[in-house]
Amino acid sequence: MPRRVKDFIEISDYTSLEDLIRYLKTIRDNLPPEHEAELNIRGDDVFGRRLTISYLRDQTPEEVELEAKYSKAGKDSEEIESLRRKLDGVPYSPDGSGS
């Protein structure tokens, strides 16, 4: 089973409100299922601020092929997958309360 990776979309701060709303709707409508998307403001006064949308997606076939090519096959991979499945079952709260 391919694993999921975090991807990012950045929106510059030089856009009109109407363009931003239209852009956000388009992004929302095209996100993969179970995307767990988050919106953050990143940057500073010197380099500028950007709205950053992060979301989870399945790996592309090319990414799966590269990972298989460069990853260590065998017992280590099986152990990592087992640990990944266990961690997926751990409850997570973004506010840090642990519930």
PDB file of N, CA and C in Angstrom:
ATOM      1  N   MET A   1       0.846  -1.176   0.000  1.00  0.00           N
ATOM      2  CA  MET A   1       0.000   0.000   0.000  1.00  0.00           C
ATOM      3  C   MET A   1       0.891   1.238   0.000  1.00  0.00           C
ATOM      4  N   PRO A   2       0.673   2.160  -0.942  1.00  0.00           N
ATOM      5  CA  PRO A   2       1.482   3.379  -0.943  1.00  0.00           C
ATOM      6  C   PRO A   2       1.178   4.221   0.277  1.00  0.00           C
ATOM      7  N   ARG A   3       2.199   4.850   0.776  1.00  0.00           N
ATOM      8  CA  ARG A   3       1.967   5.704   1.937  1.00  0.00           C
ATOM      9  C   ARG A   3       1.584   7.097   1.473  1.00  0.00           C
ATOM     10  N   ARG A   4       1.159   7.895   2.432  1.00  0.00           N
ATOM     11  CA  ARG A   4       0.715   9.252   2.121  1.00  0.00           C
ATOM     12  C   ARG A   4       1.843  10.229   2.402  1.00  0.00           C
ATOM     13  N   VAL A   5       1.898  11.286   1.624  1.00  0.00           N
ATOM     14  CA  VAL A   5       2.920  12.311   1.801  1.00  0.00           C
ATOM     15  C   VAL A   5       2.247  13.666   1.982  1.00  0.00           C
ATOM     16  N   LYS A   6       2.949  14.560   2.645  1.00  0.00           N
ATOM     17  CA  LYS A   6       2.424  15.913   2.858  1.00  0.00           C
ATOM     18  C   LYS A   6       2.866  16.782   1.688  1.00  0.00           C
ATOM     19  N   ASP A   7       1.916  17.496   1.133  1.00  0.00           N
ATOM     20  CA  ASP A   7       2.195  18.400   0.024  1.00  0.00           C
ATOM     21  C   ASP A   7       1.762  19.805   0.430  1.00  0.00           C
ATOM     22  N   PHE A   8       2.278  20.821  -0.262  1.00  0.00           N
ATOM     23  CA  PHE A   8       2.018  22.206   0.104  1.00  0.00           C
ATOM     24  C   PHE A   8       1.587  23.023  -1.099  1.00  0.00           C
ATOM     25  N   ILE A   9       0.710  23.995  -0.852  1.00  0.00           N
ATOM     26  CA  ILE A   9       0.325  24.996  -1.842  1.00  0.00           C
ATOM     27  C   ILE A   9       0.524  26.340  -1.158  1.00  0.00           C
ATOM     28  N   GLU A  10       1.250  27.248  -1.813  1.00  0.00           N
ATOM     29  CA  GLU A  10       1.467  28.576  -1.247  1.00  0.00           C
ATOM     30  C   GLU A  10       0.738  29.624  -2.064  1.00  0.00           C
ATOM     31  N   ILE A  11       0.173  30.603  -1.353  1.00  0.00           N
ATOM     32  CA  ILE A  11      -0.539  31.710  -1.976  1.00  0.00           C
ATOM     33  C   ILE A  11       0.132  32.992  -1.512  1.00  0.00           C
ATOM     34  N   SER A  12       0.582  33.825  -2.446  1.00  0.00           N
ATOM     35  CA  SER A  12       1.269  35.054  -2.051  1.00  0.00           C
ATOM     36  C   SER A  12       0.290  36.034  -1.431  1.00  0.00           C
ATOM     37  N   ASP A  13       0.834  37.016  -0.739  1.00  0.00           N
ATOM     38  CA  ASP A  13      -0.023  38.000  -0.082  1.00  0.00           C
ATOM     39  C   ASP A  13      -0.473  39.101  -1.034  1.00  0.00           C
ATOM     40  N   TYR A  14      -0.058  39.039  -2.292  1.00  0.00           N
ATOM     41  CA  TYR A  14      -0.440  40.065  -3.262  1.00  0.00           C
ATOM     42  C   TYR A  14      -1.561  39.551  -4.163  1.00  0.00           C
ATOM     43  N   THR A  15      -2.734  39.366  -3.602  1.00  0.00           N
ATOM     44  CA  THR A  15      -3.876  38.901  -4.374  1.00  0.00           C
ATOM     45  C   THR A  15      -5.139  39.558  -3.824  1.00  0.00           C
ATOM     46  N   SER A  16      -6.122  39.725  -4.676  1.00  0.00           N
ATOM     47  CA  SER A  16      -7.361  40.348  -4.212  1.00  0.00           C
ATOM     48  C   SER A  16      -8.176  39.339  -3.410  1.00  0.00           C
ATOM     49  N   LEU A  17      -9.090  39.820  -2.614  1.00  0.00           N
ATOM     50  CA  LEU A  17      -9.934  38.960  -1.796  1.00  0.00           C
ATOM     51  C   LEU A  17     -10.776  38.036  -2.679  1.00  0.00           C
ATOM     52  N   GLU A  18     -11.332  38.567  -3.747  1.00  0.00           N
ATOM     53  CA  GLU A  18     -12.143  37.750  -4.656  1.00  0.00           C
ATOM     54  C   GLU A  18     -11.317  36.630  -5.280  1.00  0.00           C
ATOM     55  N   ASP A  19     -10.087  36.951  -5.712  1.00  0.00           N
ATOM     56  CA  ASP A  19      -9.208  35.924  -6.278  1.00  0.00           C
ATOM     57  C   ASP A  19      -8.854  34.877  -5.234  1.00  0.00           C
ATOM     58  N   LEU A  20      -8.604  35.332  -4.011  1.00  0.00           N
ATOM     59  CA  LEU A  20      -8.266  34.407  -2.934  1.00  0.00           C
ATOM     60  C   LEU A  20      -9.411  33.443  -2.652  1.00  0.00           C
ATOM     61  N   ILE A  21     -10.618  33.959  -2.551  1.00  0.00           N
ATOM     62  CA  ILE A  21     -11.791  33.112  -2.288  1.00  0.00           C
ATOM     63  C   ILE A  21     -11.974  32.104  -3.416  1.00  0.00           C
ATOM     64  N   ARG A  22     -11.874  32.557  -4.645  1.00  0.00           N
ATOM     65  CA  ARG A  22     -12.022  31.673  -5.800  1.00  0.00           C
ATOM     66  C   ARG A  22     -10.934  30.594  -5.804  1.00  0.00           C
ATOM     67  N   TYR A  23      -9.707  30.992  -5.494  1.00  0.00           N
ATOM     68  CA  TYR A  23      -8.579  30.071  -5.460  1.00  0.00           C
ATOM     69  C   TYR A  23      -8.759  29.019  -4.357  1.00  0.00           C
ATOM     70  N   LEU A  24      -9.173  29.465  -3.163  1.00  0.00           N
ATOM     71  CA  LEU A  24      -9.384  28.536  -2.056  1.00  0.00           C
ATOM     72  C   LEU A  24     -10.506  27.540  -2.357  1.00  0.00           C
ATOM     73  N   LYS A  25     -11.573  27.995  -2.997  1.00  0.00           N
ATOM     74  CA  LYS A  25     -12.660  27.088  -3.376  1.00  0.00           C
ATOM     75  C   LYS A  25     -12.174  26.044  -4.375  1.00  0.00           C
ATOM     76  N   THR A  26     -11.383  26.484  -5.337  1.00  0.00           N
ATOM     77  CA  THR A  26     -10.849  25.551  -6.334  1.00  0.00           C
ATOM     78  C   THR A  26      -9.950  24.515  -5.672  1.00  0.00           C
ATOM     79  N   ILE A  27      -9.103  24.966  -4.759  1.00  0.00           N
ATOM     80  CA  ILE A  27      -8.229  24.033  -4.042  1.00  0.00           C
ATOM     81  C   ILE A  27      -9.058  23.039  -3.245  1.00  0.00           C
ATOM     82  N   ARG A  28     -10.036  23.538  -2.491  1.00  0.00           N
ATOM     83  CA  ARG A  28     -10.883  22.660  -1.673  1.00  0.00           C
ATOM     84  C   ARG A  28     -11.584  21.616  -2.533  1.00  0.00           C
ATOM     85  N   ASP A  29     -12.115  22.025  -3.663  1.00  0.00           N
ATOM     86  CA  ASP A  29     -12.854  21.102  -4.527  1.00  0.00           C
ATOM     87  C   ASP A  29     -11.963  20.045  -5.172  1.00  0.00           C
ATOM     88  N   ASN A  30     -10.657  20.291  -5.231  1.00  0.00           N
ATOM     89  CA  ASN A  30      -9.745  19.361  -5.900  1.00  0.00           C
ATOM     90  C   ASN A  30      -8.835  18.587  -4.947  1.00  0.00           C
ATOM     91  N   LEU A  31      -9.046  18.734  -3.636  1.00  0.00           N
ATOM     92  CA  LEU A  31      -8.233  17.991  -2.679  1.00  0.00           C
ATOM     93  C   LEU A  31      -8.621  16.515  -2.697  1.00  0.00           C
ATOM     94  N   PRO A  32      -7.648  15.624  -2.454  1.00  0.00           N
ATOM     95  CA  PRO A  32      -7.971  14.201  -2.415  1.00  0.00           C
ATOM     96  C   PRO A  32      -8.804  13.871  -1.185  1.00  0.00           C
ATOM     97  N   PRO A  33      -9.501  12.716  -1.195  1.00  0.00           N
ATOM     98  CA  PRO A  33     -10.277  12.323  -0.009  1.00  0.00           C
ATOM     99  C   PRO A  33      -9.354  12.167   1.206  1.00  0.00           C
ATOM    100  N   GLU A  34      -9.890  12.437   2.372  1.00  0.00           N
ATOM    101  CA  GLU A  34      -9.132  12.322   3.636  1.00  0.00           C
ATOM    102  C   GLU A  34      -7.822  13.105   3.571  1.00  0.00           C
ATOM    103  N   HIS A  35      -7.914  14.344   3.132  1.00  0.00           N
ATOM    104  CA  HIS A  35      -6.740  15.188   2.898  1.00  0.00           C
ATOM    105  C   HIS A  35      -6.155  15.814   4.154  1.00  0.00           C
ATOM    106  N   GLU A  36      -6.958  15.996   5.194  1.00  0.00           N
ATOM    107  CA  GLU A  36      -6.504  16.624   6.444  1.00  0.00           C
ATOM    108  C   GLU A  36      -5.816  17.967   6.171  1.00  0.00           C
ATOM    109  N   ALA A  37      -6.417  18.802   5.351  1.00  0.00           N
ATOM    110  CA  ALA A  37      -5.813  20.075   4.950  1.00  0.00           C
ATOM    111  C   ALA A  37      -5.768  21.062   6.116  1.00  0.00           C
ATOM    112  N   GLU A  38      -4.704  21.857   6.123  1.00  0.00           N
ATOM    113  CA  GLU A  38      -4.522  22.908   7.132  1.00  0.00           C
ATOM    114  C   GLU A  38      -4.078  24.180   6.421  1.00  0.00           C
ATOM    115  N   LEU A  39      -4.490  25.319   6.947  1.00  0.00           N
ATOM    116  CA  LEU A  39      -4.107  26.616   6.400  1.00  0.00           C
ATOM    117  C   LEU A  39      -3.272  27.342   7.442  1.00  0.00           C
ATOM    118  N   ASN A  40      -2.083  27.812   7.046  1.00  0.00           N
ATOM    119  CA  ASN A  40      -1.192  28.545   7.940  1.00  0.00           C
ATOM    120  C   ASN A  40      -0.707  29.806   7.242  1.00  0.00           C
ATOM    121  N   ILE A  41      -0.326  30.798   8.049  1.00  0.00           N
ATOM    122  CA  ILE A  41       0.337  31.986   7.520  1.00  0.00           C
ATOM    123  C   ILE A  41       1.809  31.848   7.878  1.00  0.00           C
ATOM    124  N   ARG A  42       2.664  31.907   6.862  1.00  0.00           N
ATOM    125  CA  ARG A  42       4.102  31.745   7.092  1.00  0.00           C
ATOM    126  C   ARG A  42       4.844  32.936   6.517  1.00  0.00           C
ATOM    127  N   GLY A  43       6.038  33.141   7.012  1.00  0.00           N
ATOM    128  CA  GLY A  43       6.883  34.207   6.503  1.00  0.00           C
ATOM    129  C   GLY A  43       7.114  35.293   7.531  1.00  0.00           C
ATOM    130  N   ASP A  44       7.653  36.426   7.053  1.00  0.00           N
ATOM    131  CA  ASP A  44       7.946  37.548   7.935  1.00  0.00           C
ATOM    132  C   ASP A  44       7.849  38.858   7.142  1.00  0.00           C
ATOM    133  N   ASP A  45       8.141  39.957   7.813  1.00  0.00           N
ATOM    134  CA  ASP A  45       8.033  41.278   7.182  1.00  0.00           C
ATOM    135  C   ASP A  45       9.101  41.506   6.113  1.00  0.00           C
ATOM    136  N   VAL A  46      10.232  40.837   6.236  1.00  0.00           N
ATOM    137  CA  VAL A  46      11.323  41.038   5.288  1.00  0.00           C
ATOM    138  C   VAL A  46      11.051  40.301   3.981  1.00  0.00           C
ATOM    139  N   PHE A  47      10.734  39.020   4.068  1.00  0.00           N
ATOM    140  CA  PHE A  47      10.555  38.201   2.872  1.00  0.00           C
ATOM    141  C   PHE A  47       9.097  38.068   2.445  1.00  0.00           C
ATOM    142  N   GLY A  48       8.198  38.631   3.214  1.00  0.00           N
ATOM    143  CA  GLY A  48       6.782  38.572   2.876  1.00  0.00           C
ATOM    144  C   GLY A  48       6.079  37.397   3.542  1.00  0.00           C
ATOM    145  N   ARG A  49       4.795  37.492   3.578  1.00  0.00           N
ATOM    146  CA  ARG A  49       3.983  36.436   4.183  1.00  0.00           C
ATOM    147  C   ARG A  49       3.243  35.680   3.098  1.00  0.00           C
ATOM    148  N   ARG A  50       2.987  34.414   3.364  1.00  0.00           N
ATOM    149  CA  ARG A  50       2.264  33.575   2.427  1.00  0.00           C
ATOM    150  C   ARG A  50       1.265  32.725   3.178  1.00  0.00           C
ATOM    151  N   LEU A  51       0.110  32.517   2.562  1.00  0.00           N
ATOM    152  CA  LEU A  51      -0.823  31.520   3.063  1.00  0.00           C
ATOM    153  C   LEU A  51      -0.318  30.183   2.546  1.00  0.00           C
ATOM    154  N   THR A  52      -0.168  29.223   3.439  1.00  0.00           N
ATOM    155  CA  THR A  52       0.311  27.905   3.049  1.00  0.00           C
ATOM    156  C   THR A  52      -0.740  26.873   3.405  1.00  0.00           C
ATOM    157  N   ILE A  53      -1.152  26.104   2.425  1.00  0.00           N
ATOM    158  CA  ILE A  53      -2.099  25.016   2.638  1.00  0.00           C
ATOM    159  C   ILE A  53      -1.305  23.724   2.564  1.00  0.00           C
ATOM    160  N   SER A  54      -1.348  22.945   3.634  1.00  0.00           N
ATOM    161  CA  SER A  54      -0.697  21.636   3.625  1.00  0.00           C
ATOM    162  C   SER A  54      -1.785  20.576   3.658  1.00  0.00           C
ATOM    163  N   TYR A  55      -1.551  19.482   2.953  1.00  0.00           N
ATOM    164  CA  TYR A  55      -2.529  18.400   2.897  1.00  0.00           C
ATOM    165  C   TYR A  55      -1.819  17.084   2.616  1.00  0.00           C
ATOM    166  N   LEU A  56      -2.504  15.991   2.918  1.00  0.00           N
ATOM    167  CA  LEU A  56      -1.952  14.663   2.677  1.00  0.00           C
ATOM    168  C   LEU A  56      -2.507  14.113   1.373  1.00  0.00           C
ATOM    169  N   ARG A  57      -1.653  13.428   0.640  1.00  0.00           N
ATOM    170  CA  ARG A  57      -2.063  12.774  -0.599  1.00  0.00           C
ATOM    171  C   ARG A  57      -1.310  11.458  -0.731  1.00  0.00           C
ATOM    172  N   ASP A  58      -1.857  10.562  -1.545  1.00  0.00           N
ATOM    173  CA  ASP A  58      -1.159   9.310  -1.820  1.00  0.00           C
ATOM    174  C   ASP A  58       0.037   9.599  -2.711  1.00  0.00           C
ATOM    175  N   GLN A  59       1.044   8.746  -2.609  1.00  0.00           N
ATOM    176  CA  GLN A  59       2.208   8.904  -3.469  1.00  0.00           C
ATOM    177  C   GLN A  59       1.827   8.650  -4.919  1.00  0.00           C
ATOM    178  N   THR A  60       2.516   9.336  -5.815  1.00  0.00           N
ATOM    179  CA  THR A  60       2.331   9.072  -7.238  1.00  0.00           C
ATOM    180  C   THR A  60       3.060   7.772  -7.586  1.00  0.00           C
ATOM    181  N   PRO A  61       2.716   7.149  -8.713  1.00  0.00           N
ATOM    182  CA  PRO A  61       3.433   5.923  -9.101  1.00  0.00           C
ATOM    183  C   PRO A  61       4.949   6.132  -9.208  1.00  0.00           C
ATOM    184  N   GLU A  62       5.368   7.293  -9.679  1.00  0.00           N
ATOM    185  CA  GLU A  62       6.800   7.585  -9.781  1.00  0.00           C
ATOM    186  C   GLU A  62       7.448   7.638  -8.400  1.00  0.00           C
ATOM    187  N   GLU A  63       6.752   8.250  -7.425  1.00  0.00           N
ATOM    188  CA  GLU A  63       7.288   8.322  -6.058  1.00  0.00           C
ATOM    189  C   GLU A  63       7.374   6.941  -5.431  1.00  0.00           C
ATOM    190  N   VAL A  64       6.367   6.106  -5.679  1.00  0.00           N
ATOM    191  CA  VAL A  64       6.383   4.738  -5.154  1.00  0.00           C
ATOM    192  C   VAL A  64       7.559   3.964  -5.746  1.00  0.00           C
ATOM    193  N   GLU A  65       7.768   4.124  -7.046  1.00  0.00           N
ATOM    194  CA  GLU A  65       8.871   3.433  -7.720  1.00  0.00           C
ATOM    195  C   GLU A  65      10.220   3.871  -7.158  1.00  0.00           C
ATOM    196  N   LEU A  66      10.403   5.188  -6.979  1.00  0.00           N
ATOM    197  CA  LEU A  66      11.661   5.686  -6.420  1.00  0.00           C
ATOM    198  C   LEU A  66      11.871   5.219  -4.987  1.00  0.00           C
ATOM    199  N   GLU A  67      10.804   5.236  -4.200  1.00  0.00           N
ATOM    200  CA  GLU A  67      10.943   4.784  -2.819  1.00  0.00           C
ATOM    201  C   GLU A  67      11.321   3.313  -2.770  1.00  0.00           C
ATOM    202  N   ALA A  68      10.699   2.503  -3.623  1.00  0.00           N
ATOM    203  CA  ALA A  68      11.027   1.075  -3.662  1.00  0.00           C
ATOM    204  C   ALA A  68      12.469   0.867  -4.107  1.00  0.00           C
ATOM    205  N   LYS A  69      12.912   1.680  -5.040  1.00  0.00           N
ATOM    206  CA  LYS A  69      14.273   1.552  -5.567  1.00  0.00           C
ATOM    207  C   LYS A  69      15.321   1.874  -4.508  1.00  0.00           C
ATOM    208  N   TYR A  70      15.049   2.915  -3.708  1.00  0.00           N
ATOM    209  CA  TYR A  70      16.053   3.380  -2.761  1.00  0.00           C
ATOM    210  C   TYR A  70      15.828   2.930  -1.316  1.00  0.00           C
ATOM    211  N   SER A  71      14.707   2.303  -1.048  1.00  0.00           N
ATOM    212  CA  SER A  71      14.477   1.859   0.328  1.00  0.00           C
ATOM    213  C   SER A  71      15.039   0.454   0.522  1.00  0.00           C
ATOM    214  N   LYS A  72      15.299   0.138   1.754  1.00  0.00           N
ATOM    215  CA  LYS A  72      15.833  -1.166   2.099  1.00  0.00           C
ATOM    216  C   LYS A  72      14.683  -2.157   2.191  1.00  0.00           C
ATOM    217  N   ALA A  73      14.696  -3.182   1.377  1.00  0.00           N
ATOM    218  CA  ALA A  73      13.630  -4.183   1.392  1.00  0.00           C
ATOM    219  C   ALA A  73      13.899  -5.181   2.516  1.00  0.00           C
ATOM    220  N   GLY A  74      12.831  -5.889   2.902  1.00  0.00           N
ATOM    221  CA  GLY A  74      13.010  -6.948   3.878  1.00  0.00           C
ATOM    222  C   GLY A  74      12.417  -6.622   5.224  1.00  0.00           C
ATOM    223  N   LYS A  75      13.069  -7.165   6.255  1.00  0.00           N
ATOM    224  CA  LYS A  75      12.538  -7.081   7.611  1.00  0.00           C
ATOM    225  C   LYS A  75      12.403  -5.646   8.115  1.00  0.00           C
ATOM    226  N   ASP A  76      13.401  -4.797   7.815  1.00  0.00           N
ATOM    227  CA  ASP A  76      13.339  -3.410   8.282  1.00  0.00           C
ATOM    228  C   ASP A  76      12.096  -2.700   7.742  1.00  0.00           C
ATOM    229  N   SER A  77      11.802  -2.892   6.470  1.00  0.00           N
ATOM    230  CA  SER A  77      10.623  -2.254   5.873  1.00  0.00           C
ATOM    231  C   SER A  77       9.346  -2.749   6.528  1.00  0.00           C
ATOM    232  N   GLU A  78       9.288  -4.036   6.809  1.00  0.00           N
ATOM    233  CA  GLU A  78       8.101  -4.593   7.460  1.00  0.00           C
ATOM    234  C   GLU A  78       7.934  -4.016   8.865  1.00  0.00           C
ATOM    235  N   GLU A  79       9.032  -3.863   9.594  1.00  0.00           N
ATOM    236  CA  GLU A  79       8.964  -3.288  10.943  1.00  0.00           C
ATOM    237  C   GLU A  79       8.514  -1.836  10.888  1.00  0.00           C
ATOM    238  N   ILE A  80       9.023  -1.091   9.933  1.00  0.00           N
ATOM    239  CA  ILE A  80       8.629   0.315   9.793  1.00  0.00           C
ATOM    240  C   ILE A  80       7.149   0.417   9.473  1.00  0.00           C
ATOM    241  N   GLU A  81       6.663  -0.410   8.559  1.00  0.00           N
ATOM    242  CA  GLU A  81       5.236  -0.405   8.218  1.00  0.00           C
ATOM    243  C   GLU A  81       4.386  -0.774   9.424  1.00  0.00           C
ATOM    244  N   SER A  82       4.849  -1.729  10.223  1.00  0.00           N
ATOM    245  CA  SER A  82       4.117  -2.124  11.429  1.00  0.00           C
ATOM    246  C   SER A  82       4.036  -0.958  12.407  1.00  0.00           C
ATOM    247  N   LEU A  83       5.157  -0.279  12.618  1.00  0.00           N
ATOM    248  CA  LEU A  83       5.168   0.896  13.499  1.00  0.00           C
ATOM    249  C   LEU A  83       4.299   2.018  12.942  1.00  0.00           C
ATOM    250  N   ARG A  84       4.317   2.215  11.628  1.00  0.00           N
ATOM    251  CA  ARG A  84       3.502   3.262  10.999  1.00  0.00           C
ATOM    252  C   ARG A  84       2.013   2.982  11.232  1.00  0.00           C
ATOM    253  N   ARG A  85       1.599   1.710  11.094  1.00  0.00           N
ATOM    254  CA  ARG A  85       0.195   1.352  11.323  1.00  0.00           C
ATOM    255  C   ARG A  85      -0.188   1.592  12.786  1.00  0.00           C
ATOM    256  N   LYS A  86       0.716   1.281  13.720  1.00  0.00           N
ATOM    257  CA  LYS A  86       0.440   1.528  15.136  1.00  0.00           C
ATOM    258  C   LYS A  86       0.292   3.026  15.408  1.00  0.00           C
ATOM    259  N   LEU A  87       1.183   3.834  14.825  1.00  0.00           N
ATOM    260  CA  LEU A  87       1.122   5.281  15.028  1.00  0.00           C
ATOM    261  C   LEU A  87      -0.137   5.880  14.410  1.00  0.00           C
ATOM    262  N   ASP A  88      -0.597   5.319  13.298  1.00  0.00           N
ATOM    263  CA  ASP A  88      -1.833   5.811  12.684  1.00  0.00           C
ATOM    264  C   ASP A  88      -3.019   5.633  13.614  1.00  0.00           C
ATOM    265  N   GLY A  89      -2.947   4.674  14.536  1.00  0.00           N
ATOM    266  CA  GLY A  89      -4.041   4.419  15.470  1.00  0.00           C
ATOM    267  C   GLY A  89      -3.996   5.275  16.725  1.00  0.00           C
ATOM    268  N   VAL A  90      -2.913   6.037  16.919  1.00  0.00           N
ATOM    269  CA  VAL A  90      -2.772   6.883  18.113  1.00  0.00           C
ATOM    270  C   VAL A  90      -3.615   8.145  17.929  1.00  0.00           C
ATOM    271  N   PRO A  91      -4.475   8.484  18.899  1.00  0.00           N
ATOM    272  CA  PRO A  91      -5.271   9.703  18.764  1.00  0.00           C
ATOM    273  C   PRO A  91      -4.377  10.949  18.759  1.00  0.00           C
ATOM    274  N   TYR A  92      -4.762  11.918  17.941  1.00  0.00           N
ATOM    275  CA  TYR A  92      -3.994  13.155  17.824  1.00  0.00           C
ATOM    276  C   TYR A  92      -4.927  14.354  17.936  1.00  0.00           C
ATOM    277  N   SER A  93      -4.492  15.332  18.704  1.00  0.00           N
ATOM    278  CA  SER A  93      -5.259  16.563  18.843  1.00  0.00           C
ATOM    279  C   SER A  93      -4.342  17.725  18.502  1.00  0.00           C
ATOM    280  N   PRO A  94      -4.684  18.518  17.471  1.00  0.00           N
ATOM    281  CA  PRO A  94      -3.816  19.623  17.064  1.00  0.00           C
ATOM    282  C   PRO A  94      -3.548  20.653  18.157  1.00  0.00           C
ATOM    283  N   ASP A  95      -4.455  20.762  19.123  1.00  0.00           N
ATOM    284  CA  ASP A  95      -4.258  21.751  20.179  1.00  0.00           C
ATOM    285  C   ASP A  95      -3.306  21.277  21.269  1.00  0.00           C
ATOM    286  N   GLY A  96      -2.804  20.035  21.140  1.00  0.00           N
ATOM    287  CA  GLY A  96      -1.813  19.528  22.079  1.00  0.00           C
ATOM    288  C   GLY A  96      -2.387  18.985  23.368  1.00  0.00           C
ATOM    289  N   SER A  97      -3.717  18.891  23.484  1.00  0.00           N
ATOM    290  CA  SER A  97      -4.321  18.405  24.719  1.00  0.00           C
ATOM    291  C   SER A  97      -4.229  16.891  24.840  1.00  0.00           C
ATOM    292  N   GLY A  98      -3.926  16.187  23.737  1.00  0.00           N
ATOM    293  CA  GLY A  98      -3.748  14.740  23.787  1.00  0.00           C
ATOM    294  C   GLY A  98      -5.048  13.970  23.788  1.00  0.00           C
ATOM    295  N   SER A  99      -6.165  14.631  23.595  1.00  0.00           N
ATOM    296  CA  SER A  99      -7.435  13.898  23.571  1.00  0.00           C
ATOM    297  C   SER A  99      -8.124  14.041  22.242  1.00  0.00           C
TER     298      SER A  99
END
